[in-house]
PDB file of N, CA and C in Angstrom:
ATOM      1  N   ASP A   1     108.147 141.064 106.261  1.00  0.00           N
ATOM      2  CA  ASP A   1     107.548 141.948 107.236  1.00  0.00           C
ATOM      3  C   ASP A   1     106.169 142.430 106.779  1.00  0.00           C
ATOM      4  N   LEU A   2     106.063 142.710 105.477  1.00  0.00           N
ATOM      5  CA  LEU A   2     104.790 143.191 104.956  1.00  0.00           C
ATOM      6  C   LEU A   2     103.720 142.104 105.032  1.00  0.00           C
ATOM      7  N   ALA A   3     104.106 140.866 104.749  1.00  0.00           N
ATOM      8  CA  ALA A   3     103.152 139.758 104.835  1.00  0.00           C
ATOM      9  C   ALA A   3     102.669 139.579 106.271  1.00  0.00           C
ATOM     10  N   GLU A   4     103.570 139.759 107.219  1.00  0.00           N
ATOM     11  CA  GLU A   4     103.200 139.653 108.628  1.00  0.00           C
ATOM     12  C   GLU A   4     102.236 140.772 109.028  1.00  0.00           C
ATOM     13  N   LEU A   5     102.515 141.975 108.541  1.00  0.00           N
ATOM     14  CA  LEU A   5     101.623 143.104 108.814  1.00  0.00           C
ATOM     15  C   LEU A   5     100.247 142.872 108.200  1.00  0.00           C
ATOM     16  N   GLU A   6     100.212 142.354 106.973  1.00  0.00           N
ATOM     17  CA  GLU A   6      98.928 142.034 106.346  1.00  0.00           C
ATOM     18  C   GLU A   6      98.161 141.015 107.178  1.00  0.00           C
ATOM     19  N   GLU A   7      98.851 140.009 107.665  1.00  0.00           N
ATOM     20  CA  GLU A   7      98.213 138.983 108.494  1.00  0.00           C
ATOM     21  C   GLU A   7      97.556 139.615 109.723  1.00  0.00           C
ATOM     22  N   ILE A   8      98.272 140.526 110.359  1.00  0.00           N
ATOM     23  CA  ILE A   8      97.734 141.192 111.548  1.00  0.00           C
ATOM     24  C   ILE A   8      96.540 142.075 111.174  1.00  0.00           C
ATOM     25  N   LEU A   9      96.720 142.898 110.148  1.00  0.00           N
ATOM     26  CA  LEU A   9      95.655 143.830 109.768  1.00  0.00           C
ATOM     27  C   LEU A   9      94.425 143.133 109.223  1.00  0.00           C
ATOM     28  N   TRP A  10      94.621 142.130 108.386  1.00  0.00           N
ATOM     29  CA  TRP A  10      93.484 141.493 107.715  1.00  0.00           C
ATOM     30  C   TRP A  10      92.772 140.476 108.605  1.00  0.00           C
ATOM     31  N   ASN A  11      93.489 139.915 109.606  1.00  0.00           N
ATOM     32  CA  ASN A  11      92.884 138.831 110.373  1.00  0.00           C
ATOM     33  C   ASN A  11      92.738 139.099 111.863  1.00  0.00           C
ATOM     34  N   LYS A  12      93.487 140.052 112.406  1.00  0.00           N
ATOM     35  CA  LYS A  12      93.423 140.273 113.858  1.00  0.00           C
ATOM     36  C   LYS A  12      92.848 141.632 114.216  1.00  0.00           C
ATOM     37  N   VAL A  13      93.130 142.638 113.420  1.00  0.00           N
ATOM     38  CA  VAL A  13      92.666 143.994 113.713  1.00  0.00           C
ATOM     39  C   VAL A  13      91.381 144.309 112.967  1.00  0.00           C
ATOM     40  N   GLY A  14      91.311 143.847 111.748  1.00  0.00           N
ATOM     41  CA  GLY A  14      90.151 144.127 110.901  1.00  0.00           C
ATOM     42  C   GLY A  14      90.188 143.217 109.695  1.00  0.00           C
ATOM     43  N   THR A  15      89.702 143.726 108.586  1.00  0.00           N
ATOM     44  CA  THR A  15      89.702 142.945 107.353  1.00  0.00           C
ATOM     45  C   THR A  15      90.296 143.774 106.225  1.00  0.00           C
ATOM     46  N   LYS A  16      90.644 143.088 105.152  1.00  0.00           N
ATOM     47  CA  LYS A  16      91.167 143.778 103.984  1.00  0.00           C
ATOM     48  C   LYS A  16      90.095 144.707 103.404  1.00  0.00           C
ATOM     49  N   GLU A  17      88.858 144.289 103.468  1.00  0.00           N
ATOM     50  CA  GLU A  17      87.762 145.099 102.958  1.00  0.00           C
ATOM     51  C   GLU A  17      87.623 146.401 103.754  1.00  0.00           C
ATOM     52  N   GLU A  18      87.809 146.321 105.058  1.00  0.00           N
ATOM     53  CA  GLU A  18      87.747 147.531 105.883  1.00  0.00           C
ATOM     54  C   GLU A  18      88.899 148.473 105.547  1.00  0.00           C
ATOM     55  N   TYR A  19      90.086 147.901 105.335  1.00  0.00           N
ATOM     56  CA  TYR A  19      91.241 148.705 104.934  1.00  0.00           C
ATOM     57  C   TYR A  19      90.932 149.435 103.627  1.00  0.00           C
ATOM     58  N   GLN A  20      90.432 148.703 102.640  1.00  0.00           N
ATOM     59  CA  GLN A  20      90.140 149.287 101.338  1.00  0.00           C
ATOM     60  C   GLN A  20      89.024 150.332 101.427  1.00  0.00           C
ATOM     61  N   LYS A  21      88.092 150.132 102.331  1.00  0.00           N
ATOM     62  CA  LYS A  21      87.011 151.102 102.512  1.00  0.00           C
ATOM     63  C   LYS A  21      87.568 152.440 102.997  1.00  0.00           C
ATOM     64  N   HIS A  22      88.537 152.384 103.902  1.00  0.00           N
ATOM     65  CA  HIS A  22      89.082 153.607 104.498  1.00  0.00           C
ATOM     66  C   HIS A  22      90.282 154.168 103.753  1.00  0.00           C
ATOM     67  N   ILE A  23      91.092 153.302 103.179  1.00  0.00           N
ATOM     68  CA  ILE A  23      92.342 153.730 102.536  1.00  0.00           C
ATOM     69  C   ILE A  23      92.235 153.707 101.013  1.00  0.00           C
ATOM     70  N   GLY A  24      91.405 152.843 100.488  1.00  0.00           N
ATOM     71  CA  GLY A  24      91.282 152.706  99.038  1.00  0.00           C
ATOM     72  C   GLY A  24      92.174 151.593  98.522  1.00  0.00           C
ATOM     73  N   ASP A  25      92.579 151.724  97.274  1.00  0.00           N
ATOM     74  CA  ASP A  25      93.377 150.679  96.639  1.00  0.00           C
ATOM     75  C   ASP A  25      94.879 150.862  96.845  1.00  0.00           C
ATOM     76  N   LYS A  26      95.255 151.762  97.721  1.00  0.00           N
ATOM     77  CA  LYS A  26      96.674 152.037  97.961  1.00  0.00           C
ATOM     78  C   LYS A  26      97.348 150.794  98.536  1.00  0.00           C
ATOM     79  N   PRO A  27      98.428 150.334  97.907  1.00  0.00           N
ATOM     80  CA  PRO A  27      99.147 149.175  98.447  1.00  0.00           C
ATOM     81  C   PRO A  27      99.603 149.439  99.883  1.00  0.00           C
ATOM     82  N   LEU A  28      99.595 148.401 100.685  1.00  0.00           N
ATOM     83  CA  LEU A  28      99.937 148.528 102.091  1.00  0.00           C
ATOM     84  C   LEU A  28     101.350 149.084 102.286  1.00  0.00           C
ATOM     85  N   GLY A  29     102.300 148.654 101.460  1.00  0.00           N
ATOM     86  CA  GLY A  29     103.669 149.151 101.577  1.00  0.00           C
ATOM     87  C   GLY A  29     103.760 150.653 101.410  1.00  0.00           C
ATOM     88  N   ILE A  30     103.016 151.184 100.469  1.00  0.00           N
ATOM     89  CA  ILE A  30     103.011 152.635 100.239  1.00  0.00           C
ATOM     90  C   ILE A  30     102.320 153.342 101.406  1.00  0.00           C
ATOM     91  N   PHE A  31     101.218 152.794 101.881  1.00  0.00           N
ATOM     92  CA  PHE A  31     100.524 153.394 103.018  1.00  0.00           C
ATOM     93  C   PHE A  31     101.437 153.456 104.245  1.00  0.00           C
ATOM     94  N   VAL A  32     102.137 152.376 104.518  1.00  0.00           N
ATOM     95  CA  VAL A  32     103.045 152.343 105.673  1.00  0.00           C
ATOM     96  C   VAL A  32     104.136 153.383 105.509  1.00  0.00           C
ATOM     97  N   ARG A  33     104.735 153.473 104.303  1.00  0.00           N
ATOM     98  CA  ARG A  33     105.777 154.473 104.050  1.00  0.00           C
ATOM     99  C   ARG A  33     105.267 155.883 104.300  1.00  0.00           C
ATOM    100  N   GLU A  34     104.057 156.154 103.848  1.00  0.00           N
ATOM    101  CA  GLU A  34     103.483 157.493 104.027  1.00  0.00           C
ATOM    102  C   GLU A  34     103.247 157.812 105.497  1.00  0.00           C
ATOM    103  N   VAL A  35     102.905 156.799 106.272  1.00  0.00           N
ATOM    104  CA  VAL A  35     102.618 157.020 107.683  1.00  0.00           C
ATOM    105  C   VAL A  35     103.895 157.162 108.506  1.00  0.00           C
ATOM    106  N   VAL A  36     104.858 156.271 108.286  1.00  0.00           N
ATOM    107  CA  VAL A  36     106.050 156.257 109.146  1.00  0.00           C
ATOM    108  C   VAL A  36     107.233 157.005 108.574  1.00  0.00           C
ATOM    109  N   GLY A  37     107.195 157.344 107.292  1.00  0.00           N
ATOM    110  CA  GLY A  37     108.327 158.030 106.687  1.00  0.00           C
ATOM    111  C   GLY A  37     109.455 157.066 106.372  1.00  0.00           C
ATOM    112  N   MET A  38     110.676 157.598 106.339  1.00  0.00           N
ATOM    113  CA  MET A  38     111.833 156.812 105.924  1.00  0.00           C
ATOM    114  C   MET A  38     113.017 157.170 106.806  1.00  0.00           C
ATOM    115  N   ASP A  39     113.864 156.225 107.047  1.00  0.00           N
ATOM    116  CA  ASP A  39     115.077 156.448 107.807  1.00  0.00           C
ATOM    117  C   ASP A  39     116.031 157.363 107.033  1.00  0.00           C
ATOM    118  N   MET A  40     116.624 158.346 107.695  1.00  0.00           N
ATOM    119  CA  MET A  40     117.528 159.303 107.046  1.00  0.00           C
ATOM    120  C   MET A  40     118.702 158.587 106.383  1.00  0.00           C
ATOM    121  N   HIS A  41     119.273 157.618 107.051  1.00  0.00           N
ATOM    122  CA  HIS A  41     120.411 156.895 106.484  1.00  0.00           C
ATOM    123  C   HIS A  41     120.007 156.167 105.197  1.00  0.00           C
ATOM    124  N   ALA A  42     118.859 155.534 105.216  1.00  0.00           N
ATOM    125  CA  ALA A  42     118.381 154.822 104.024  1.00  0.00           C
ATOM    126  C   ALA A  42     118.130 155.782 102.878  1.00  0.00           C
ATOM    127  N   ALA A  43     117.573 156.939 103.186  1.00  0.00           N
ATOM    128  CA  ALA A  43     117.310 157.932 102.140  1.00  0.00           C
ATOM    129  C   ALA A  43     118.619 158.441 101.533  1.00  0.00           C
ATOM    130  N   LYS A  44     119.596 158.725 102.373  1.00  0.00           N
ATOM    131  CA  LYS A  44     120.885 159.205 101.863  1.00  0.00           C
ATOM    132  C   LYS A  44     121.608 158.119 101.078  1.00  0.00           C
ATOM    133  N   THR A  45     121.473 156.877 101.502  1.00  0.00           N
ATOM    134  CA  THR A  45     122.110 155.772 100.797  1.00  0.00           C
ATOM    135  C   THR A  45     121.588 155.645  99.373  1.00  0.00           C
ATOM    136  N   ALA A  46     120.302 155.864  99.180  1.00  0.00           N
ATOM    137  CA  ALA A  46     119.715 155.759  97.843  1.00  0.00           C
ATOM    138  C   ALA A  46     120.297 156.792  96.890  1.00  0.00           C
ATOM    139  N   PHE A  47     120.720 157.913  97.411  1.00  0.00           N
ATOM    140  CA  PHE A  47     121.299 158.968  96.584  1.00  0.00           C
ATOM    141  C   PHE A  47     122.829 158.890  96.532  1.00  0.00           C
ATOM    142  N   SER A  48     123.426 158.016  97.324  1.00  0.00           N
ATOM    143  CA  SER A  48     124.887 157.997  97.443  1.00  0.00           C
ATOM    144  C   SER A  48     125.590 157.667  96.131  1.00  0.00           C
ATOM    145  N   CYS A  49     125.062 156.755  95.341  1.00  0.00           N
ATOM    146  CA  CYS A  49     125.691 156.423  94.059  1.00  0.00           C
ATOM    147  C   CYS A  49     125.748 157.655  93.175  1.00  0.00           C
ATOM    148  N   TYR A  50     124.641 158.351  93.103  1.00  0.00           N
ATOM    149  CA  TYR A  50     124.586 159.560  92.287  1.00  0.00           C
ATOM    150  C   TYR A  50     125.497 160.635  92.862  1.00  0.00           C
ATOM    151  N   LEU A  51     125.410 160.863  94.142  1.00  0.00           N
ATOM    152  CA  LEU A  51     126.157 161.947  94.772  1.00  0.00           C
ATOM    153  C   LEU A  51     127.660 161.727  94.751  1.00  0.00           C
ATOM    154  N   SER A  52     128.078 160.471  94.784  1.00  0.00           N
ATOM    155  CA  SER A  52     129.515 160.198  94.805  1.00  0.00           C
ATOM    156  C   SER A  52     130.165 160.401  93.434  1.00  0.00           C
ATOM    157  N   GLU A  53     129.370 160.481  92.386  1.00  0.00           N
ATOM    158  CA  GLU A  53     129.905 160.591  91.031  1.00  0.00           C
ATOM    159  C   GLU A  53     129.818 161.984  90.434  1.00  0.00           C
ATOM    160  N   VAL A  54     129.237 162.929  91.137  1.00  0.00           N
ATOM    161  CA  VAL A  54     129.051 164.271  90.583  1.00  0.00           C
ATOM    162  C   VAL A  54     129.525 165.338  91.564  1.00  0.00           C
ATOM    163  N   ASN A  55     129.858 166.473  91.021  1.00  0.00           N
ATOM    164  CA  ASN A  55     130.144 167.649  91.837  1.00  0.00           C
ATOM    165  C   ASN A  55     128.935 168.556  91.740  1.00  0.00           C
ATOM    166  N   LEU A  56     128.216 168.664  92.825  1.00  0.00           N
ATOM    167  CA  LEU A  56     126.992 169.449  92.822  1.00  0.00           C
ATOM    168  C   LEU A  56     127.276 170.918  93.095  1.00  0.00           C
ATOM    169  N   THR A  57     126.491 171.760  92.452  1.00  0.00           N
ATOM    170  CA  THR A  57     126.535 173.178  92.763  1.00  0.00           C
ATOM    171  C   THR A  57     125.801 173.372  94.098  1.00  0.00           C
ATOM    172  N   PRO A  58     125.962 174.511  94.729  1.00  0.00           N
ATOM    173  CA  PRO A  58     125.208 174.744  95.974  1.00  0.00           C
ATOM    174  C   PRO A  58     123.696 174.630  95.771  1.00  0.00           C
ATOM    175  N   GLN A  59     123.185 175.077  94.625  1.00  0.00           N
ATOM    176  CA  GLN A  59     121.748 174.992  94.354  1.00  0.00           C
ATOM    177  C   GLN A  59     121.303 173.535  94.217  1.00  0.00           C
ATOM    178  N   GLN A  60     122.132 172.730  93.539  1.00  0.00           N
ATOM    179  CA  GLN A  60     121.807 171.315  93.384  1.00  0.00           C
ATOM    180  C   GLN A  60     121.856 170.590  94.728  1.00  0.00           C
ATOM    181  N   THR A  61     122.845 170.911  95.536  1.00  0.00           N
ATOM    182  CA  THR A  61     122.961 170.304  96.861  1.00  0.00           C
ATOM    183  C   THR A  61     121.738 170.626  97.704  1.00  0.00           C
ATOM    184  N   TYR A  62     121.311 171.872  97.661  1.00  0.00           N
ATOM    185  CA  TYR A  62     120.126 172.298  98.403  1.00  0.00           C
ATOM    186  C   TYR A  62     118.906 171.492  97.946  1.00  0.00           C
ATOM    187  N   PHE A  63     118.740 171.355  96.639  1.00  0.00           N
ATOM    188  CA  PHE A  63     117.596 170.631  96.087  1.00  0.00           C
ATOM    189  C   PHE A  63     117.629 169.167  96.524  1.00  0.00           C
ATOM    190  N   VAL A  64     118.777 168.507  96.368  1.00  0.00           N
ATOM    191  CA  VAL A  64     118.890 167.088  96.733  1.00  0.00           C
ATOM    192  C   VAL A  64     118.639 166.909  98.226  1.00  0.00           C
ATOM    193  N   ASN A  65     119.168 167.781  99.047  1.00  0.00           N
ATOM    194  CA  ASN A  65     118.912 167.691 100.487  1.00  0.00           C
ATOM    195  C   ASN A  65     117.431 167.878 100.790  1.00  0.00           C
ATOM    196  N   ALA A  66     116.767 168.765 100.061  1.00  0.00           N
ATOM    197  CA  ALA A  66     115.323 168.951 100.238  1.00  0.00           C
ATOM    198  C   ALA A  66     114.567 167.680  99.853  1.00  0.00           C
ATOM    199  N   VAL A  67     115.013 167.012  98.795  1.00  0.00           N
ATOM    200  CA  VAL A  67     114.383 165.749  98.383  1.00  0.00           C
ATOM    201  C   VAL A  67     114.569 164.700  99.473  1.00  0.00           C
ATOM    202  N   VAL A  68     115.782 164.575  99.994  1.00  0.00           N
ATOM    203  CA  VAL A  68     116.056 163.598 101.048  1.00  0.00           C
ATOM    204  C   VAL A  68     115.174 163.880 102.271  1.00  0.00           C
ATOM    205  N   GLU A  69     115.091 165.125 102.681  1.00  0.00           N
ATOM    206  CA  GLU A  69     114.255 165.480 103.828  1.00  0.00           C
ATOM    207  C   GLU A  69     112.777 165.165 103.568  1.00  0.00           C
ATOM    208  N   TYR A  70     112.319 165.405 102.346  1.00  0.00           N
ATOM    209  CA  TYR A  70     110.938 165.096 101.987  1.00  0.00           C
ATOM    210  C   TYR A  70     110.696 163.589 102.080  1.00  0.00           C
ATOM    211  N   ILE A  71     111.628 162.808 101.562  1.00  0.00           N
ATOM    212  CA  ILE A  71     111.477 161.350 101.589  1.00  0.00           C
ATOM    213  C   ILE A  71     111.528 160.830 103.022  1.00  0.00           C
ATOM    214  N   VAL A  72     112.380 161.403 103.841  1.00  0.00           N
ATOM    215  CA  VAL A  72     112.440 160.991 105.242  1.00  0.00           C
ATOM    216  C   VAL A  72     111.088 161.249 105.910  1.00  0.00           C
ATOM    217  N   LYS A  73     110.490 162.369 105.620  1.00  0.00           N
ATOM    218  CA  LYS A  73     109.213 162.728 106.245  1.00  0.00           C
ATOM    219  C   LYS A  73     108.038 161.917 105.697  1.00  0.00           C
ATOM    220  N   TYR A  74     107.976 161.758 104.364  1.00  0.00           N
ATOM    221  CA  TYR A  74     106.804 161.141 103.732  1.00  0.00           C
ATOM    222  C   TYR A  74     107.036 159.735 103.190  1.00  0.00           C
ATOM    223  N   GLY A  75     108.256 159.249 103.223  1.00  0.00           N
ATOM    224  CA  GLY A  75     108.546 157.885 102.785  1.00  0.00           C
ATOM    225  C   GLY A  75     108.851 157.735 101.316  1.00  0.00           C
ATOM    226  N   MET A  76     108.411 158.664 100.509  1.00  0.00           N
ATOM    227  CA  MET A  76     108.660 158.649  99.065  1.00  0.00           C
ATOM    228  C   MET A  76     108.054 159.912  98.472  1.00  0.00           C
ATOM    229  N   VAL A  77     108.287 160.103  97.190  1.00  0.00           N
ATOM    230  CA  VAL A  77     107.637 161.192  96.464  1.00  0.00           C
ATOM    231  C   VAL A  77     106.566 160.544  95.596  1.00  0.00           C
ATOM    232  N   ALA A  78     105.331 160.708  95.977  1.00  0.00           N
ATOM    233  CA  ALA A  78     104.227 160.117  95.233  1.00  0.00           C
ATOM    234  C   ALA A  78     103.660 161.094  94.210  1.00  0.00           C
ATOM    235  N   ASP A  79     103.766 162.367  94.500  1.00  0.00           N
ATOM    236  CA  ASP A  79     103.214 163.403  93.628  1.00  0.00           C
ATOM    237  C   ASP A  79     104.337 164.374  93.261  1.00  0.00           C
ATOM    238  N   TYR A  80     104.778 164.304  92.018  1.00  0.00           N
ATOM    239  CA  TYR A  80     105.925 165.102  91.578  1.00  0.00           C
ATOM    240  C   TYR A  80     105.619 166.598  91.489  1.00  0.00           C
ATOM    241  N   SER A  81     104.375 166.976  91.649  1.00  0.00           N
ATOM    242  CA  SER A  81     104.058 168.401  91.619  1.00  0.00           C
ATOM    243  C   SER A  81     104.668 169.132  92.817  1.00  0.00           C
ATOM    244  N   VAL A  82     105.107 168.398  93.845  1.00  0.00           N
ATOM    245  CA  VAL A  82     105.764 169.061  94.979  1.00  0.00           C
ATOM    246  C   VAL A  82     107.021 169.794  94.528  1.00  0.00           C
ATOM    247  N   PHE A  83     107.605 169.348  93.422  1.00  0.00           N
ATOM    248  CA  PHE A  83     108.826 169.980  92.921  1.00  0.00           C
ATOM    249  C   PHE A  83     108.569 171.356  92.312  1.00  0.00           C
ATOM    250  N   LEU A  84     107.307 171.725  92.206  1.00  0.00           N
ATOM    251  CA  LEU A  84     106.947 173.037  91.683  1.00  0.00           C
ATOM    252  C   LEU A  84     106.728 174.055  92.799  1.00  0.00           C
ATOM    253  N   LYS A  85     106.997 173.624  94.036  1.00  0.00           N
ATOM    254  CA  LYS A  85     106.766 174.467  95.210  1.00  0.00           C
ATOM    255  C   LYS A  85     108.048 174.585  96.024  1.00  0.00           C
ATOM    256  N   THR A  86     108.036 175.556  96.944  1.00  0.00           N
ATOM    257  CA  THR A  86     109.146 175.688  97.870  1.00  0.00           C
ATOM    258  C   THR A  86     109.190 174.463  98.784  1.00  0.00           C
ATOM    259  N   PRO A  87     110.291 173.970  99.183  1.00  0.00           N
ATOM    260  CA  PRO A  87     111.651 174.495  99.058  1.00  0.00           C
ATOM    261  C   PRO A  87     112.347 174.136  97.744  1.00  0.00           C
ATOM    262  N   PHE A  88     111.679 173.337  96.922  1.00  0.00           N
ATOM    263  CA  PHE A  88     112.321 172.845  95.702  1.00  0.00           C
ATOM    264  C   PHE A  88     112.571 173.948  94.673  1.00  0.00           C
ATOM    265  N   THR A  89     111.821 175.010  94.751  1.00  0.00           N
ATOM    266  CA  THR A  89     111.968 176.094  93.777  1.00  0.00           C
ATOM    267  C   THR A  89     112.715 177.301  94.334  1.00  0.00           C
ATOM    268  N   ASP A  90     113.283 177.158  95.513  1.00  0.00           N
ATOM    269  CA  ASP A  90     113.952 178.299  96.152  1.00  0.00           C
ATOM    270  C   ASP A  90     115.098 178.874  95.310  1.00  0.00           C
ATOM    271  N   PHE A  91     115.736 178.041  94.484  1.00  0.00           N
ATOM    272  CA  PHE A  91     116.841 178.510  93.646  1.00  0.00           C
ATOM    273  C   PHE A  91     116.538 178.398  92.161  1.00  0.00           C
ATOM    274  N   GLY A  92     115.267 178.300  91.831  1.00  0.00           N
ATOM    275  CA  GLY A  92     114.867 178.206  90.435  1.00  0.00           C
ATOM    276  C   GLY A  92     114.160 176.896  90.149  1.00  0.00           C
ATOM    277  N   SER A  93     113.766 176.753  88.909  1.00  0.00           N
ATOM    278  CA  SER A  93     113.057 175.530  88.502  1.00  0.00           C
ATOM    279  C   SER A  93     114.057 174.389  88.329  1.00  0.00           C
ATOM    280  N   ILE A  94     113.535 173.211  88.173  1.00  0.00           N
ATOM    281  CA  ILE A  94     114.385 172.044  87.935  1.00  0.00           C
ATOM    282  C   ILE A  94     115.254 172.274  86.704  1.00  0.00           C
ATOM    283  N   ALA A  95     114.661 172.847  85.643  1.00  0.00           N
ATOM    284  CA  ALA A  95     115.410 173.115  84.405  1.00  0.00           C
ATOM    285  C   ALA A  95     116.515 174.142  84.620  1.00  0.00           C
ATOM    286  N   ASP A  96     116.338 175.027  85.594  1.00  0.00           N
ATOM    287  CA  ASP A  96     117.374 176.010  85.906  1.00  0.00           C
ATOM    288  C   ASP A  96     118.540 175.375  86.662  1.00  0.00           C
ATOM    289  N   ILE A  97     118.247 174.348  87.438  1.00  0.00           N
ATOM    290  CA  ILE A  97     119.231 173.773  88.351  1.00  0.00           C
ATOM    291  C   ILE A  97     119.949 172.555  87.762  1.00  0.00           C
ATOM    292  N   PHE A  98     119.236 171.732  86.992  1.00  0.00           N
ATOM    293  CA  PHE A  98     119.796 170.471  86.492  1.00  0.00           C
ATOM    294  C   PHE A  98     119.688 170.384  84.976  1.00  0.00           C
ATOM    295  N   ASN A  99     120.655 169.696  84.374  1.00  0.00           N
ATOM    296  CA  ASN A  99     120.508 169.362  82.963  1.00  0.00           C
ATOM    297  C   ASN A  99     119.678 168.069  82.895  1.00  0.00           C
ATOM    298  N   PRO A 100     119.180 167.700  81.718  1.00  0.00           N
ATOM    299  CA  PRO A 100     118.304 166.525  81.618  1.00  0.00           C
ATOM    300  C   PRO A 100     118.933 165.232  82.148  1.00  0.00           C
ATOM    301  N   LYS A 101     120.207 165.014  81.904  1.00  0.00           N
ATOM    302  CA  LYS A 101     120.870 163.791  82.383  1.00  0.00           C
ATOM    303  C   LYS A 101     120.914 163.773  83.913  1.00  0.00           C
ATOM    304  N   GLU A 102     121.271 164.894  84.514  1.00  0.00           N
ATOM    305  CA  GLU A 102     121.326 164.976  85.971  1.00  0.00           C
ATOM    306  C   GLU A 102     119.943 164.733  86.570  1.00  0.00           C
ATOM    307  N   TRP A 103     118.924 165.340  85.959  1.00  0.00           N
ATOM    308  CA  TRP A 103     117.566 165.187  86.472  1.00  0.00           C
ATOM    309  C   TRP A 103     117.097 163.744  86.363  1.00  0.00           C
ATOM    310  N   LYS A 104     117.431 163.064  85.277  1.00  0.00           N
ATOM    311  CA  LYS A 104     117.047 161.657  85.119  1.00  0.00           C
ATOM    312  C   LYS A 104     117.672 160.810  86.225  1.00  0.00           C
ATOM    313  N   GLU A 105     118.921 161.059  86.547  1.00  0.00           N
ATOM    314  CA  GLU A 105     119.587 160.291  87.600  1.00  0.00           C
ATOM    315  C   GLU A 105     118.934 160.540  88.960  1.00  0.00           C
ATOM    316  N   ILE A 106     118.551 161.763  89.219  1.00  0.00           N
ATOM    317  CA  ILE A 106     117.867 162.072  90.477  1.00  0.00           C
ATOM    318  C   ILE A 106     116.501 161.394  90.503  1.00  0.00           C
ATOM    319  N   MET A 107     115.783 161.453  89.402  1.00  0.00           N
ATOM    320  CA  MET A 107     114.466 160.805  89.337  1.00  0.00           C
ATOM    321  C   MET A 107     114.580 159.291  89.504  1.00  0.00           C
ATOM    322  N   ASP A 108     115.639 158.697  88.971  1.00  0.00           N
ATOM    323  CA  ASP A 108     115.845 157.257  89.169  1.00  0.00           C
ATOM    324  C   ASP A 108     115.973 156.933  90.655  1.00  0.00           C
ATOM    325  N   ALA A 109     116.736 157.756  91.375  1.00  0.00           N
ATOM    326  CA  ALA A 109     116.883 157.546  92.822  1.00  0.00           C
ATOM    327  C   ALA A 109     115.556 157.758  93.533  1.00  0.00           C
ATOM    328  N   ILE A 110     114.837 158.797  93.163  1.00  0.00           N
ATOM    329  CA  ILE A 110     113.532 159.091  93.774  1.00  0.00           C
ATOM    330  C   ILE A 110     112.555 157.944  93.517  1.00  0.00           C
ATOM    331  N   ASN A 111     112.527 157.465  92.288  1.00  0.00           N
ATOM    332  CA  ASN A 111     111.600 156.386  91.930  1.00  0.00           C
ATOM    333  C   ASN A 111     111.934 155.074  92.619  1.00  0.00           C
ATOM    334  N   SER A 112     113.193 154.879  92.989  1.00  0.00           N
ATOM    335  CA  SER A 112     113.571 153.630  93.665  1.00  0.00           C
ATOM    336  C   SER A 112     112.840 153.501  95.006  1.00  0.00           C
ATOM    337  N   PHE A 113     112.529 154.613  95.661  1.00  0.00           N
ATOM    338  CA  PHE A 113     111.786 154.551  96.915  1.00  0.00           C
ATOM    339  C   PHE A 113     110.363 154.071  96.679  1.00  0.00           C
ATOM    340  N   LYS A 114     109.755 154.546  95.636  1.00  0.00           N
ATOM    341  CA  LYS A 114     108.379 154.144  95.313  1.00  0.00           C
ATOM    342  C   LYS A 114     108.327 152.676  94.923  1.00  0.00           C
ATOM    343  N   GLU A 115     109.281 152.253  94.090  1.00  0.00           N
ATOM    344  CA  GLU A 115     109.332 150.844  93.673  1.00  0.00           C
ATOM    345  C   GLU A 115     109.558 149.930  94.864  1.00  0.00           C
ATOM    346  N   ASN A 116     110.420 150.351  95.775  1.00  0.00           N
ATOM    347  CA  ASN A 116     110.717 149.558  96.957  1.00  0.00           C
ATOM    348  C   ASN A 116     109.503 149.410  97.859  1.00  0.00           C
ATOM    349  N   ALA A 117     108.687 150.433  97.930  1.00  0.00           N
ATOM    350  CA  ALA A 117     107.485 150.387  98.772  1.00  0.00           C
ATOM    351  C   ALA A 117     106.451 149.420  98.201  1.00  0.00           C
ATOM    352  N   HIS A 118     106.470 149.209  96.896  1.00  0.00           N
ATOM    353  CA  HIS A 118     105.531 148.280  96.268  1.00  0.00           C
ATOM    354  C   HIS A 118     105.930 146.831  96.519  1.00  0.00           C
ATOM    355  N   ALA A 119     107.195 146.616  96.825  1.00  0.00           N
ATOM    356  CA  ALA A 119     107.699 145.235  96.983  1.00  0.00           C
ATOM    357  C   ALA A 119     107.112 144.550  98.201  1.00  0.00           C
TER     358      ALA A 119
END
């Protein structure tokens, strides 16, 4: 699908050079994700392995749901500084809510969206 979109953008609508002039070096997959967001089901599926193996506290559930909603809206988390702002900090910092192992598992799920957009 991405190759087909590139064909349309680079040869029928404009050129790759025009895209780079306006968008920069951002890969097309990431740009598309940022524009259209992500399907809610797909976002929840990415977290399902993690969520099915743990018992989350209410604060952790709130945080994970906020991450899913963010990914649905923006397609991925490109700038991790968003986790330093509300709604992610409504119940404390990441260190207050998750232990290092839990946070690594969440970050693995979050990063899978970014890696997938590069494909």
